[in-house]
N, C-alpha and C. Protein backbone atom coordinates (compact mmCIF):
# COMPACT_ATOMS: atom_id res chain seq x y z
N MET A 1 -5.64 -61.37 -126.83
CA MET A 1 -4.46 -61.02 -127.60
C MET A 1 -3.89 -59.68 -127.08
N VAL A 2 -2.57 -59.59 -126.99
CA VAL A 2 -1.90 -58.41 -126.45
C VAL A 2 -1.61 -57.42 -127.58
N LYS A 3 -1.85 -56.14 -127.29
CA LYS A 3 -1.56 -55.10 -128.27
C LYS A 3 -0.06 -54.82 -128.27
N PRO A 4 0.51 -54.55 -129.43
CA PRO A 4 1.93 -54.17 -129.48
C PRO A 4 2.14 -52.80 -128.83
N ASN A 5 3.26 -52.65 -128.16
CA ASN A 5 3.58 -51.40 -127.51
C ASN A 5 4.49 -50.58 -128.44
N TYR A 6 3.85 -49.78 -129.28
CA TYR A 6 4.59 -49.02 -130.28
C TYR A 6 5.47 -47.93 -129.66
N GLN A 7 5.04 -47.36 -128.55
CA GLN A 7 5.84 -46.34 -127.90
C GLN A 7 7.17 -46.92 -127.43
N TYR A 8 7.13 -48.12 -126.88
CA TYR A 8 8.36 -48.77 -126.42
C TYR A 8 9.30 -49.02 -127.60
N GLU A 9 8.73 -49.55 -128.69
CA GLU A 9 9.54 -49.84 -129.87
C GLU A 9 10.17 -48.56 -130.43
N LYS A 10 9.37 -47.49 -130.47
CA LYS A 10 9.88 -46.22 -130.99
C LYS A 10 11.00 -45.70 -130.10
N ARG A 11 10.80 -45.79 -128.79
CA ARG A 11 11.82 -45.31 -127.86
C ARG A 11 13.11 -46.10 -128.02
N GLN A 12 13.01 -47.41 -128.15
CA GLN A 12 14.20 -48.23 -128.33
C GLN A 12 14.92 -47.87 -129.63
N LYS A 13 14.15 -47.64 -130.67
CA LYS A 13 14.74 -47.27 -131.96
C LYS A 13 15.45 -45.92 -131.85
N ASP A 14 14.80 -44.96 -131.19
CA ASP A 14 15.40 -43.63 -131.01
C ASP A 14 16.66 -43.71 -130.17
N LEU A 15 16.64 -44.50 -129.11
CA LEU A 15 17.82 -44.64 -128.26
C LEU A 15 18.98 -45.26 -129.04
N SER A 16 18.65 -46.25 -129.86
CA SER A 16 19.68 -46.89 -130.68
C SER A 16 20.28 -45.89 -131.66
N LYS A 17 19.42 -45.11 -132.28
CA LYS A 17 19.87 -44.10 -133.24
C LYS A 17 20.78 -43.08 -132.56
N LYS A 18 20.37 -42.62 -131.37
CA LYS A 18 21.13 -41.62 -130.64
C LYS A 18 22.50 -42.17 -130.23
N LYS A 19 22.53 -43.42 -129.80
CA LYS A 19 23.78 -44.05 -129.39
C LYS A 19 24.74 -44.15 -130.58
N LYS A 20 24.21 -44.56 -131.73
CA LYS A 20 25.03 -44.67 -132.93
C LYS A 20 25.60 -43.32 -133.32
N GLN A 21 24.75 -42.28 -133.24
CA GLN A 21 25.18 -40.94 -133.61
C GLN A 21 26.28 -40.44 -132.68
N GLU A 22 26.14 -40.71 -131.38
CA GLU A 22 27.16 -40.29 -130.42
C GLU A 22 28.48 -41.01 -130.68
N GLU A 23 28.41 -42.29 -130.99
CA GLU A 23 29.63 -43.03 -131.29
C GLU A 23 30.32 -42.46 -132.53
N LYS A 24 29.53 -42.10 -133.52
CA LYS A 24 30.08 -41.53 -134.74
C LYS A 24 30.79 -40.21 -134.45
N GLN A 25 30.15 -39.36 -133.64
CA GLN A 25 30.75 -38.08 -133.27
C GLN A 25 32.04 -38.28 -132.48
N LYS A 26 32.03 -39.27 -131.60
CA LYS A 26 33.22 -39.57 -130.79
C LYS A 26 34.38 -40.00 -131.70
N GLU A 27 34.09 -40.88 -132.66
CA GLU A 27 35.12 -41.34 -133.60
C GLU A 27 35.64 -40.16 -134.43
N LYS A 28 34.73 -39.30 -134.84
CA LYS A 28 35.11 -38.15 -135.65
C LYS A 28 36.05 -37.23 -134.87
N ARG A 29 35.70 -36.96 -133.59
CA ARG A 29 36.57 -36.12 -132.76
C ARG A 29 37.94 -36.78 -132.56
N GLN A 30 37.95 -38.10 -132.37
CA GLN A 30 39.20 -38.82 -132.16
C GLN A 30 40.09 -38.74 -133.40
N ARG A 31 39.48 -38.90 -134.58
CA ARG A 31 40.26 -38.81 -135.83
C ARG A 31 40.84 -37.41 -135.98
N LYS A 32 40.05 -36.40 -135.63
CA LYS A 32 40.52 -35.02 -135.74
C LYS A 32 41.69 -34.79 -134.79
N LEU A 33 41.60 -35.31 -133.57
CA LEU A 33 42.70 -35.17 -132.61
C LEU A 33 43.94 -35.90 -133.10
N ASP A 34 43.76 -37.09 -133.66
CA ASP A 34 44.89 -37.86 -134.18
C ASP A 34 45.55 -37.12 -135.35
N LYS A 35 44.73 -36.53 -136.20
CA LYS A 35 45.26 -35.80 -137.35
C LYS A 35 46.06 -34.58 -136.88
N ASN A 36 45.54 -33.89 -135.87
CA ASN A 36 46.23 -32.71 -135.36
C ASN A 36 47.51 -33.08 -134.63
N SER A 37 47.56 -34.22 -134.00
CA SER A 37 48.76 -34.62 -133.27
C SER A 37 49.89 -35.01 -134.22
N ASN A 38 49.57 -35.36 -135.46
CA ASN A 38 50.60 -35.70 -136.44
C ASN A 38 51.21 -34.47 -137.10
N ALA A 39 50.59 -33.32 -136.93
CA ALA A 39 51.09 -32.08 -137.51
C ALA A 39 52.31 -31.60 -136.71
N PRO A 40 53.19 -30.82 -137.34
CA PRO A 40 54.33 -30.26 -136.61
C PRO A 40 53.86 -29.36 -135.48
N PRO A 41 54.63 -29.20 -134.43
CA PRO A 41 54.20 -28.43 -133.27
C PRO A 41 53.94 -26.95 -133.57
N ASP A 42 54.62 -26.36 -134.56
CA ASP A 42 54.42 -24.93 -134.85
C ASP A 42 53.17 -24.69 -135.69
N GLY A 43 52.51 -25.73 -136.15
CA GLY A 43 51.25 -25.59 -136.87
C GLY A 43 51.39 -25.43 -138.37
N THR A 44 52.62 -25.31 -138.87
CA THR A 44 52.79 -25.19 -140.32
C THR A 44 52.95 -26.58 -140.92
N PRO A 45 52.40 -26.78 -142.11
CA PRO A 45 52.55 -28.09 -142.75
C PRO A 45 54.00 -28.32 -143.17
N ASN A 46 54.40 -29.55 -143.16
CA ASN A 46 55.76 -29.93 -143.54
C ASN A 46 55.83 -30.01 -145.06
N GLN A 47 56.47 -29.03 -145.71
CA GLN A 47 56.53 -29.00 -147.16
C GLN A 47 57.96 -29.22 -147.63
N GLN A 48 58.13 -30.14 -148.56
CA GLN A 48 59.44 -30.45 -149.09
C GLN A 48 59.93 -29.36 -150.05
N SER A 49 59.02 -28.66 -150.73
CA SER A 49 59.42 -27.66 -151.73
C SER A 49 60.18 -26.50 -151.08
N ASP A 50 59.93 -26.19 -149.81
CA ASP A 50 60.63 -25.10 -149.14
C ASP A 50 62.09 -25.45 -148.86
N LEU A 51 62.39 -26.72 -148.76
CA LEU A 51 63.73 -27.15 -148.40
C LEU A 51 64.67 -27.18 -149.61
N GLU A 52 64.14 -27.20 -150.81
CA GLU A 52 64.98 -27.32 -152.00
C GLU A 52 65.56 -26.01 -152.45
């Protein structure tokens, strides 16, 4: 009977976890860039109350 290779399983689990975490960080950075690109170029928020 063959012994299970726990080190291999642990490594695969850790690699999977790390990959998921990196994807999450990448999505987070992308959302932040998208949010910043929607802001006005001078950096001030567009407020309607100032126009009235």
